[in-house]
Amino acid sequence: MTPLQLAHIAGVLAERGRSFRPRLVKGFRDADGNIKSIPPIEEKPVTGISDADWTTVIDAMVHTTHCTPYCGTAWVAFKGAAYDAGGKTGTVQVYTVAQNAKYNAKSVPETLRDHAWFIAFAPAEAPKIAVAVLVENAGFGSSNAAPIARKVMDTYLLRHDTPKEAAQNAPPQSDTGD
């Protein structure tokens, strides 16, 4: 599964089954300086899933980025965000550990360490962006991929005017020592 495929899945989840062809740009500036929008292309929707099931999945993803009543795995990365986001953290095993052995990242060559994944969409109530972040050989998605997704979504949704504003609203850094 590629990051683009996972970002697309996050978007389909956020839109309760509506599917739009993934794109990297939504417009361009022509030779005269005019901005030309590229309209989204809607594809065949996902069917056969009840409204209650969509709500369950979306609510679970939103709770991943919050700390009420329980702390979701990505709540630290989204603490203080100006919008609600939904997300799913992931850790992908690069190689197989023997049946009774324990995984210890420090004893494994870096190229064999777990990958960190995070998919997300925001704002949760009216999605405008879906992202997928893969950080190879970085470990946990919550501490390594989710903060990157937060920075991308902050930049897209909040459109900071200056680097200073962006730095002031940046997500907190992980203190796990990863």
N, C-alpha and C. Protein backbone atom coordinates (compact mmCIF):
# COMPACT_ATOMS: atom_id res chain seq x y z
N MET A 1 0.84 -1.17 0.00
CA MET A 1 0.00 0.00 0.00
C MET A 1 0.90 1.24 0.00
N THR A 2 0.61 2.20 -0.86
CA THR A 2 1.43 3.41 -0.96
C THR A 2 0.86 4.52 -0.08
N PRO A 3 1.66 5.53 0.24
CA PRO A 3 1.13 6.67 0.99
C PRO A 3 -0.05 7.34 0.26
N LEU A 4 0.02 7.46 -1.06
CA LEU A 4 -1.09 8.07 -1.79
C LEU A 4 -2.36 7.24 -1.65
N GLN A 5 -2.25 5.93 -1.70
CA GLN A 5 -3.43 5.07 -1.52
C GLN A 5 -4.00 5.23 -0.12
N LEU A 6 -3.14 5.34 0.89
CA LEU A 6 -3.64 5.52 2.25
C LEU A 6 -4.26 6.90 2.45
N ALA A 7 -3.69 7.94 1.84
CA ALA A 7 -4.31 9.27 1.91
C ALA A 7 -5.68 9.23 1.26
N HIS A 8 -5.80 8.53 0.15
CA HIS A 8 -7.09 8.39 -0.53
C HIS A 8 -8.09 7.69 0.38
N ILE A 9 -7.67 6.62 1.05
CA ILE A 9 -8.55 5.92 1.98
C ILE A 9 -9.00 6.84 3.11
N ALA A 10 -8.09 7.64 3.64
CA ALA A 10 -8.46 8.60 4.70
C ALA A 10 -9.52 9.56 4.19
N GLY A 11 -9.38 10.02 2.95
CA GLY A 11 -10.37 10.91 2.36
C GLY A 11 -11.72 10.25 2.18
N VAL A 12 -11.72 9.00 1.73
CA VAL A 12 -12.99 8.26 1.55
C VAL A 12 -13.67 8.07 2.90
N LEU A 13 -12.91 7.74 3.93
CA LEU A 13 -13.48 7.61 5.27
C LEU A 13 -14.08 8.93 5.73
N ALA A 14 -13.32 10.01 5.56
CA ALA A 14 -13.78 11.33 5.99
C ALA A 14 -15.06 11.75 5.29
N GLU A 15 -15.20 11.36 4.04
CA GLU A 15 -16.37 11.73 3.22
C GLU A 15 -17.47 10.68 3.26
N ARG A 16 -17.36 9.74 4.20
CA ARG A 16 -18.39 8.71 4.39
C ARG A 16 -18.68 7.95 3.10
N GLY A 17 -17.60 7.60 2.40
CA GLY A 17 -17.75 6.77 1.21
C GLY A 17 -17.66 7.50 -0.12
N ARG A 18 -17.78 8.83 -0.11
CA ARG A 18 -17.58 9.57 -1.36
C ARG A 18 -16.11 9.49 -1.70
N SER A 19 -15.83 9.27 -2.96
CA SER A 19 -14.45 9.07 -3.39
C SER A 19 -14.09 10.07 -4.49
N PHE A 20 -12.98 10.75 -4.29
CA PHE A 20 -12.47 11.69 -5.28
C PHE A 20 -11.10 11.22 -5.74
N ARG A 21 -10.83 11.35 -7.02
CA ARG A 21 -9.53 10.96 -7.56
C ARG A 21 -8.45 11.76 -6.84
N PRO A 22 -7.44 11.09 -6.31
CA PRO A 22 -6.36 11.82 -5.63
C PRO A 22 -5.65 12.78 -6.59
N ARG A 23 -5.21 13.90 -6.01
CA ARG A 23 -4.47 14.88 -6.82
C ARG A 23 -3.46 15.58 -5.93
N LEU A 24 -2.42 16.05 -6.56
CA LEU A 24 -1.37 16.74 -5.82
C LEU A 24 -1.51 18.25 -5.88
N VAL A 25 -2.21 18.75 -6.87
CA VAL A 25 -2.46 20.19 -7.00
C VAL A 25 -3.93 20.41 -7.27
N LYS A 26 -4.44 21.56 -6.83
CA LYS A 26 -5.84 21.86 -7.11
C LYS A 26 -5.99 23.05 -8.05
N GLY A 27 -4.87 23.55 -8.54
CA GLY A 27 -4.92 24.64 -9.49
C GLY A 27 -3.52 25.05 -9.91
N PHE A 28 -3.48 26.05 -10.79
CA PHE A 28 -2.19 26.55 -11.27
C PHE A 28 -2.37 28.01 -11.68
N ARG A 29 -1.25 28.69 -11.87
CA ARG A 29 -1.26 30.09 -12.32
C ARG A 29 -0.85 30.09 -13.79
N ASP A 30 -1.69 30.69 -14.65
CA ASP A 30 -1.37 30.71 -16.08
C ASP A 30 -0.34 31.80 -16.39
N ALA A 31 0.03 31.92 -17.64
CA ALA A 31 1.08 32.86 -18.06
C ALA A 31 0.73 34.31 -17.76
N ASP A 32 -0.57 34.61 -17.67
CA ASP A 32 -1.01 35.98 -17.36
C ASP A 32 -1.14 36.22 -15.86
N GLY A 33 -0.85 35.20 -15.05
CA GLY A 33 -0.92 35.36 -13.60
C GLY A 33 -2.27 35.01 -13.01
N ASN A 34 -3.20 34.54 -13.83
CA ASN A 34 -4.53 34.18 -13.33
C ASN A 34 -4.50 32.77 -12.74
N ILE A 35 -5.20 32.59 -11.64
CA ILE A 35 -5.28 31.28 -11.01
C ILE A 35 -6.38 30.48 -11.67
N LYS A 36 -6.02 29.29 -12.11
CA LYS A 36 -6.96 28.37 -12.76
C LYS A 36 -7.16 27.16 -11.85
N SER A 37 -8.39 26.93 -11.42
CA SER A 37 -8.69 25.79 -10.57
C SER A 37 -8.88 24.54 -11.40
N ILE A 38 -8.49 23.43 -10.83
CA ILE A 38 -8.73 22.12 -11.43
C ILE A 38 -9.83 21.47 -10.59
N PRO A 39 -10.99 21.26 -11.16
CA PRO A 39 -12.09 20.73 -10.34
C PRO A 39 -11.83 19.29 -9.90
N PRO A 40 -12.31 18.93 -8.70
CA PRO A 40 -12.14 17.55 -8.25
C PRO A 40 -12.95 16.60 -9.13
N ILE A 41 -12.46 15.39 -9.26
CA ILE A 41 -13.16 14.37 -10.05
C ILE A 41 -13.71 13.33 -9.09
N GLU A 42 -15.04 13.26 -9.02
CA GLU A 42 -15.66 12.29 -8.12
C GLU A 42 -15.74 10.94 -8.82
N GLU A 43 -15.39 9.90 -8.06
CA GLU A 43 -15.42 8.54 -8.58
C GLU A 43 -16.55 7.76 -7.92
N LYS A 44 -16.66 6.50 -8.26
CA LYS A 44 -17.71 5.64 -7.72
C LYS A 44 -17.61 5.60 -6.19
N PRO A 45 -18.71 5.84 -5.47
CA PRO A 45 -18.66 5.84 -4.00
C PRO A 45 -18.62 4.42 -3.43
N VAL A 46 -18.21 4.34 -2.19
CA VAL A 46 -18.27 3.09 -1.44
C VAL A 46 -19.71 2.93 -0.98
N THR A 47 -20.28 1.76 -1.19
CA THR A 47 -21.67 1.51 -0.81
C THR A 47 -21.74 0.33 0.15
N GLY A 48 -22.92 0.15 0.74
CA GLY A 48 -23.16 -1.00 1.60
C GLY A 48 -22.72 -0.82 3.04
N ILE A 49 -22.40 0.40 3.43
CA ILE A 49 -21.98 0.68 4.80
C ILE A 49 -23.01 1.62 5.42
N SER A 50 -23.50 1.27 6.59
CA SER A 50 -24.56 2.06 7.23
C SER A 50 -24.02 3.38 7.78
N ASP A 51 -24.92 4.35 7.95
CA ASP A 51 -24.53 5.63 8.54
C ASP A 51 -23.94 5.42 9.94
N ALA A 52 -24.51 4.47 10.68
CA ALA A 52 -24.01 4.20 12.04
C ALA A 52 -22.57 3.70 11.99
N ASP A 53 -22.26 2.86 11.02
CA ASP A 53 -20.89 2.35 10.91
C ASP A 53 -19.91 3.46 10.50
N TRP A 54 -20.31 4.32 9.55
CA TRP A 54 -19.46 5.46 9.19
C TRP A 54 -19.19 6.31 10.42
N THR A 55 -20.23 6.59 11.19
CA THR A 55 -20.09 7.43 12.39
C THR A 55 -19.14 6.79 13.40
N THR A 56 -19.26 5.48 13.59
CA THR A 56 -18.38 4.77 14.52
C THR A 56 -16.92 4.93 14.12
N VAL A 57 -16.62 4.71 12.85
CA VAL A 57 -15.23 4.80 12.37
C VAL A 57 -14.71 6.23 12.49
N ILE A 58 -15.49 7.20 12.03
CA ILE A 58 -15.04 8.59 12.08
C ILE A 58 -14.86 9.06 13.52
N ASP A 59 -15.80 8.72 14.40
CA ASP A 59 -15.66 9.10 15.81
C ASP A 59 -14.39 8.49 16.42
N ALA A 60 -14.11 7.23 16.09
CA ALA A 60 -12.90 6.59 16.61
C ALA A 60 -11.65 7.32 16.11
N MET A 61 -11.66 7.72 14.84
CA MET A 61 -10.50 8.43 14.29
C MET A 61 -10.34 9.81 14.92
N VAL A 62 -11.44 10.49 15.20
CA VAL A 62 -11.37 11.79 15.87
C VAL A 62 -10.84 11.62 17.29
N HIS A 63 -11.27 10.56 17.98
CA HIS A 63 -10.79 10.32 19.34
C HIS A 63 -9.29 10.00 19.37
N THR A 64 -8.74 9.54 18.27
CA THR A 64 -7.30 9.28 18.20
C THR A 64 -6.50 10.56 18.43
N THR A 65 -7.07 11.70 18.05
CA THR A 65 -6.36 12.98 18.15
C THR A 65 -6.79 13.82 19.35
N HIS A 66 -7.54 13.22 20.26
CA HIS A 66 -8.02 13.94 21.45
C HIS A 66 -7.69 13.18 22.73
N CYS A 67 -7.94 13.83 23.84
CA CYS A 67 -7.67 13.22 25.14
C CYS A 67 -8.90 13.34 26.03
N THR A 68 -10.07 13.01 25.50
CA THR A 68 -11.30 13.02 26.29
C THR A 68 -12.20 11.90 25.83
N PRO A 69 -12.71 11.04 26.64
CA PRO A 69 -12.32 10.82 28.03
C PRO A 69 -11.01 10.05 28.14
N TYR A 70 -10.60 9.39 27.08
CA TYR A 70 -9.33 8.66 27.07
C TYR A 70 -8.40 9.32 26.06
N CYS A 71 -7.11 9.16 26.27
CA CYS A 71 -6.14 9.77 25.37
C CYS A 71 -5.87 8.87 24.17
N GLY A 72 -6.13 9.43 22.98
CA GLY A 72 -5.85 8.71 21.74
C GLY A 72 -4.36 8.70 21.47
N THR A 73 -3.93 7.83 20.58
CA THR A 73 -2.49 7.67 20.34
C THR A 73 -1.84 8.90 19.71
N ALA A 74 -2.62 9.77 19.06
CA ALA A 74 -2.04 10.96 18.42
C ALA A 74 -2.44 12.26 19.12
N TRP A 75 -2.92 12.17 20.34
CA TRP A 75 -3.42 13.38 21.00
C TRP A 75 -2.32 14.40 21.26
N VAL A 76 -1.10 13.95 21.56
CA VAL A 76 -0.02 14.89 21.83
C VAL A 76 0.27 15.73 20.58
N ALA A 77 0.31 15.10 19.42
CA ALA A 77 0.60 15.82 18.18
C ALA A 77 -0.49 16.84 17.84
N PHE A 78 -1.72 16.59 18.27
CA PHE A 78 -2.83 17.49 17.91
C PHE A 78 -3.31 18.35 19.07
N LYS A 79 -2.59 18.32 20.17
CA LYS A 79 -2.95 19.15 21.32
C LYS A 79 -2.92 20.63 20.90
N GLY A 80 -4.02 21.34 21.16
CA GLY A 80 -4.09 22.76 20.84
C GLY A 80 -4.39 23.09 19.39
N ALA A 81 -4.70 22.10 18.57
CA ALA A 81 -5.01 22.37 17.17
C ALA A 81 -6.26 23.24 17.07
N ALA A 82 -6.29 24.10 16.08
CA ALA A 82 -7.42 25.02 15.87
C ALA A 82 -8.57 24.34 15.14
N TYR A 83 -8.48 23.06 14.92
CA TYR A 83 -9.49 22.30 14.19
C TYR A 83 -9.51 20.88 14.75
N ASP A 84 -10.60 20.18 14.53
CA ASP A 84 -10.66 18.76 14.89
C ASP A 84 -10.18 17.94 13.70
N ALA A 85 -9.40 16.94 13.99
CA ALA A 85 -8.90 16.04 12.94
C ALA A 85 -9.23 14.61 13.34
N GLY A 86 -9.31 13.76 12.34
CA GLY A 86 -9.45 12.34 12.58
C GLY A 86 -8.19 11.67 12.08
N GLY A 87 -7.74 10.63 12.75
CA GLY A 87 -6.51 9.98 12.31
C GLY A 87 -6.39 8.56 12.79
N LYS A 88 -5.40 7.87 12.25
CA LYS A 88 -5.08 6.51 12.66
C LYS A 88 -3.57 6.35 12.61
N THR A 89 -3.00 6.01 13.77
CA THR A 89 -1.57 5.78 13.84
C THR A 89 -1.26 4.33 13.45
N GLY A 90 -0.03 4.10 13.06
CA GLY A 90 0.37 2.74 12.72
C GLY A 90 1.86 2.56 12.81
N THR A 91 2.24 1.35 13.12
CA THR A 91 3.64 0.95 13.14
C THR A 91 3.73 -0.30 12.26
N VAL A 92 4.59 -0.24 11.26
CA VAL A 92 4.68 -1.34 10.31
C VAL A 92 5.99 -2.09 10.52
N GLN A 93 5.86 -3.37 10.74
CA GLN A 93 7.02 -4.21 10.96
C GLN A 93 7.76 -4.43 9.64
N VAL A 94 9.06 -4.20 9.65
CA VAL A 94 9.88 -4.34 8.45
C VAL A 94 10.36 -5.78 8.27
N TYR A 95 10.67 -6.44 9.36
CA TYR A 95 11.12 -7.83 9.26
C TYR A 95 10.44 -8.63 10.36
N THR A 96 10.48 -9.94 10.22
CA THR A 96 9.80 -10.83 11.15
C THR A 96 10.68 -11.15 12.34
N VAL A 97 10.08 -11.03 13.51
CA VAL A 97 10.76 -11.38 14.76
C VAL A 97 10.44 -12.84 15.06
N ALA A 98 11.41 -13.59 15.53
CA ALA A 98 11.19 -15.00 15.87
C ALA A 98 10.03 -15.13 16.86
N GLN A 99 9.39 -16.28 16.86
CA GLN A 99 8.15 -16.48 17.61
C GLN A 99 8.25 -16.07 19.08
N ASN A 100 9.27 -16.46 19.78
CA ASN A 100 9.37 -16.14 21.21
C ASN A 100 10.35 -15.00 21.49
N ALA A 101 10.80 -14.32 20.45
CA ALA A 101 11.74 -13.22 20.63
C ALA A 101 10.98 -11.90 20.81
N LYS A 102 11.66 -10.95 21.42
CA LYS A 102 11.08 -9.63 21.63
C LYS A 102 11.78 -8.63 20.72
N TYR A 103 11.00 -7.71 20.14
CA TYR A 103 11.55 -6.69 19.26
C TYR A 103 12.22 -5.61 20.10
N ASN A 104 13.45 -5.27 19.76
CA ASN A 104 14.17 -4.19 20.42
C ASN A 104 14.82 -3.36 19.33
N ALA A 105 14.29 -2.17 19.08
CA ALA A 105 14.77 -1.33 17.98
C ALA A 105 16.26 -1.02 18.09
N LYS A 106 16.77 -0.91 19.30
CA LYS A 106 18.18 -0.57 19.48
C LYS A 106 19.12 -1.69 19.05
N SER A 107 18.63 -2.91 19.04
CA SER A 107 19.49 -4.03 18.66
C SER A 107 19.31 -4.46 17.20
N VAL A 108 18.48 -3.72 16.47
CA VAL A 108 18.18 -4.05 15.07
C VAL A 108 18.85 -3.00 14.17
N PRO A 109 19.45 -3.40 13.07
CA PRO A 109 20.00 -2.40 12.15
C PRO A 109 18.92 -1.39 11.74
N GLU A 110 19.30 -0.15 11.57
CA GLU A 110 18.32 0.91 11.29
C GLU A 110 17.42 0.58 10.11
N THR A 111 17.98 -0.01 9.08
CA THR A 111 17.18 -0.31 7.88
C THR A 111 16.13 -1.38 8.12
N LEU A 112 16.19 -2.07 9.25
CA LEU A 112 15.21 -3.10 9.58
C LEU A 112 14.23 -2.67 10.68
N ARG A 113 14.36 -1.43 11.13
CA ARG A 113 13.46 -0.94 12.19
C ARG A 113 12.07 -0.65 11.62
N ASP A 114 11.09 -0.68 12.51
CA ASP A 114 9.70 -0.47 12.12
C ASP A 114 9.49 0.90 11.47
N HIS A 115 8.52 0.95 10.54
CA HIS A 115 8.12 2.21 9.91
C HIS A 115 6.99 2.86 10.72
N ALA A 116 6.97 4.17 10.74
CA ALA A 116 5.90 4.94 11.40
C ALA A 116 4.92 5.43 10.34
N TRP A 117 3.63 5.19 10.56
CA TRP A 117 2.57 5.62 9.65
C TRP A 117 1.56 6.46 10.39
N PHE A 118 0.93 7.37 9.67
CA PHE A 118 -0.23 8.10 10.20
C PHE A 118 -1.06 8.58 9.03
N ILE A 119 -2.36 8.30 9.08
CA ILE A 119 -3.29 8.86 8.10
C ILE A 119 -4.24 9.77 8.85
N ALA A 120 -4.70 10.82 8.17
CA ALA A 120 -5.57 11.78 8.85
C ALA A 120 -6.39 12.58 7.84
N PHE A 121 -7.44 13.22 8.38
CA PHE A 121 -8.26 14.16 7.61
C PHE A 121 -8.67 15.28 8.54
N ALA A 122 -8.97 16.44 7.97
CA ALA A 122 -9.38 17.59 8.76
C ALA A 122 -10.01 18.64 7.85
N PRO A 123 -10.79 19.55 8.40
CA PRO A 123 -11.42 19.43 9.71
C PRO A 123 -12.43 18.28 9.72
N ALA A 124 -12.58 17.66 10.87
CA ALA A 124 -13.39 16.44 10.97
C ALA A 124 -14.83 16.68 10.52
N GLU A 125 -15.38 17.84 10.84
CA GLU A 125 -16.80 18.10 10.55
C GLU A 125 -17.05 18.50 9.09
N ALA A 126 -16.04 18.93 8.38
CA ALA A 126 -16.17 19.32 6.96
C ALA A 126 -14.81 19.16 6.30
N PRO A 127 -14.39 17.93 6.01
CA PRO A 127 -13.02 17.66 5.55
C PRO A 127 -12.61 18.43 4.30
N LYS A 128 -11.39 18.97 4.36
CA LYS A 128 -10.79 19.68 3.23
C LYS A 128 -9.47 19.06 2.80
N ILE A 129 -8.87 18.25 3.68
CA ILE A 129 -7.57 17.66 3.39
C ILE A 129 -7.48 16.27 4.01
N ALA A 130 -6.85 15.37 3.28
CA ALA A 130 -6.53 14.04 3.79
C ALA A 130 -5.05 13.80 3.50
N VAL A 131 -4.35 13.24 4.48
CA VAL A 131 -2.91 13.03 4.33
C VAL A 131 -2.52 11.64 4.82
N ALA A 132 -1.39 11.19 4.34
CA ALA A 132 -0.74 9.98 4.85
C ALA A 132 0.74 10.30 5.00
N VAL A 133 1.29 9.94 6.13
CA VAL A 133 2.71 10.18 6.39
C VAL A 133 3.37 8.86 6.72
N LEU A 134 4.45 8.57 6.02
CA LEU A 134 5.28 7.40 6.27
C LEU A 134 6.68 7.91 6.62
N VAL A 135 7.17 7.50 7.77
CA VAL A 135 8.55 7.81 8.14
C VAL A 135 9.25 6.47 8.28
N GLU A 136 10.11 6.17 7.31
CA GLU A 136 10.76 4.86 7.27
C GLU A 136 11.71 4.68 8.45
N ASN A 137 11.64 3.49 9.03
CA ASN A 137 12.53 3.05 10.09
C ASN A 137 12.51 3.98 11.30
N ALA A 138 11.38 4.62 11.58
CA ALA A 138 11.30 5.60 12.66
C ALA A 138 10.54 5.11 13.88
N GLY A 139 9.89 3.96 13.81
CA GLY A 139 9.20 3.45 14.98
C GLY A 139 7.72 3.76 15.00
N PHE A 140 7.27 4.42 16.03
CA PHE A 140 5.85 4.62 16.26
C PHE A 140 5.25 5.76 15.45
N GLY A 141 4.07 5.51 14.88
CA GLY A 141 3.37 6.54 14.11
C GLY A 141 2.95 7.72 14.95
N SER A 142 2.58 7.46 16.21
CA SER A 142 2.09 8.54 17.07
C SER A 142 3.16 9.58 17.37
N SER A 143 4.39 9.14 17.56
CA SER A 143 5.44 10.09 17.94
C SER A 143 6.28 10.58 16.78
N ASN A 144 6.22 9.91 15.63
CA ASN A 144 7.08 10.30 14.52
C ASN A 144 6.34 10.74 13.27
N ALA A 145 5.22 10.13 12.95
CA ALA A 145 4.48 10.50 11.74
C ALA A 145 3.36 11.50 12.02
N ALA A 146 2.66 11.35 13.14
CA ALA A 146 1.54 12.25 13.45
C ALA A 146 1.96 13.72 13.55
N PRO A 147 3.09 14.05 14.18
CA PRO A 147 3.49 15.47 14.23
C PRO A 147 3.75 16.07 12.84
N ILE A 148 4.24 15.26 11.92
CA ILE A 148 4.46 15.75 10.55
C ILE A 148 3.12 16.02 9.87
N ALA A 149 2.17 15.11 10.05
CA ALA A 149 0.82 15.31 9.49
C ALA A 149 0.20 16.59 10.05
N ARG A 150 0.38 16.82 11.34
CA ARG A 150 -0.17 18.04 11.97
C ARG A 150 0.42 19.29 11.31
N LYS A 151 1.73 19.30 11.06
CA LYS A 151 2.36 20.46 10.42
C LYS A 151 1.82 20.68 9.01
N VAL A 152 1.64 19.60 8.26
CA VAL A 152 1.09 19.71 6.90
C VAL A 152 -0.32 20.28 6.96
N MET A 153 -1.15 19.73 7.85
CA MET A 153 -2.54 20.19 7.92
C MET A 153 -2.65 21.61 8.46
N ASP A 154 -1.81 21.97 9.43
CA ASP A 154 -1.79 23.35 9.90
C ASP A 154 -1.47 24.31 8.75
N THR A 155 -0.45 23.96 7.98
CA THR A 155 -0.06 24.81 6.86
C THR A 155 -1.18 24.95 5.85
N TYR A 156 -1.84 23.87 5.53
CA TYR A 156 -2.92 23.90 4.54
C TYR A 156 -4.17 24.60 5.09
N LEU A 157 -4.58 24.26 6.29
CA LEU A 157 -5.84 24.78 6.83
C LEU A 157 -5.74 26.18 7.41
N LEU A 158 -4.61 26.48 8.03
CA LEU A 158 -4.49 27.77 8.72
C LEU A 158 -3.78 28.82 7.90
N ARG A 159 -3.08 28.41 6.86
CA ARG A 159 -2.41 29.33 5.94
C ARG A 159 -1.64 30.42 6.67
N HIS A 160 -0.66 29.99 7.45
CA HIS A 160 0.16 30.93 8.22
C HIS A 160 0.83 31.94 7.28
N ASP A 161 0.82 33.20 7.71
CA ASP A 161 1.41 34.27 6.89
C ASP A 161 2.92 34.35 7.04
N THR A 162 3.43 33.98 8.20
CA THR A 162 4.86 34.12 8.43
C THR A 162 5.41 32.85 9.07
N PRO A 163 6.70 32.60 8.91
CA PRO A 163 7.30 31.44 9.58
C PRO A 163 7.16 31.53 11.10
N LYS A 164 7.19 32.77 11.64
CA LYS A 164 7.06 32.93 13.09
C LYS A 164 5.70 32.42 13.57
N GLU A 165 4.62 32.76 12.84
CA GLU A 165 3.28 32.27 13.21
C GLU A 165 3.23 30.75 13.12
N ALA A 166 3.82 30.20 12.10
CA ALA A 166 3.84 28.74 11.95
C ALA A 166 4.56 28.09 13.12
N ALA A 167 5.69 28.67 13.54
CA ALA A 167 6.46 28.11 14.65
C ALA A 167 5.68 28.20 15.96
N GLN A 168 4.95 29.31 16.16
CA GLN A 168 4.18 29.48 17.39
C GLN A 168 3.05 28.46 17.50
N ASN A 169 2.50 28.03 16.38
CA ASN A 169 1.38 27.09 16.40
C ASN A 169 1.79 25.66 16.09
N ALA A 170 3.08 25.39 16.06
CA ALA A 170 3.56 24.05 15.73
C ALA A 170 3.16 23.07 16.83
N PRO A 171 2.95 21.82 16.46
CA PRO A 171 2.61 20.82 17.48
C PRO A 171 3.77 20.59 18.42
N PRO A 172 3.46 20.18 19.64
CA PRO A 172 4.55 19.92 20.59
C PRO A 172 5.43 18.78 20.09
N GLN A 173 6.69 18.86 20.42
CA GLN A 173 7.63 17.81 20.02
C GLN A 173 7.49 16.64 20.99
N SER A 174 7.69 15.45 20.47
CA SER A 174 7.61 14.24 21.28
C SER A 174 8.76 14.24 22.28
N ASP A 175 8.42 13.83 23.50
CA ASP A 175 9.48 13.75 24.51
C ASP A 175 9.80 12.29 24.84
N THR A 176 9.52 11.40 23.88
CA THR A 176 9.77 9.98 24.11
C THR A 176 11.22 9.59 23.84
N GLY A 177 11.99 10.50 23.30
CA GLY A 177 13.40 10.22 23.04
C GLY A 177 13.64 9.40 21.79
N ASP A 178 12.61 9.26 20.96
CA ASP A 178 12.76 8.46 19.71
C ASP A 178 13.65 9.16 18.72
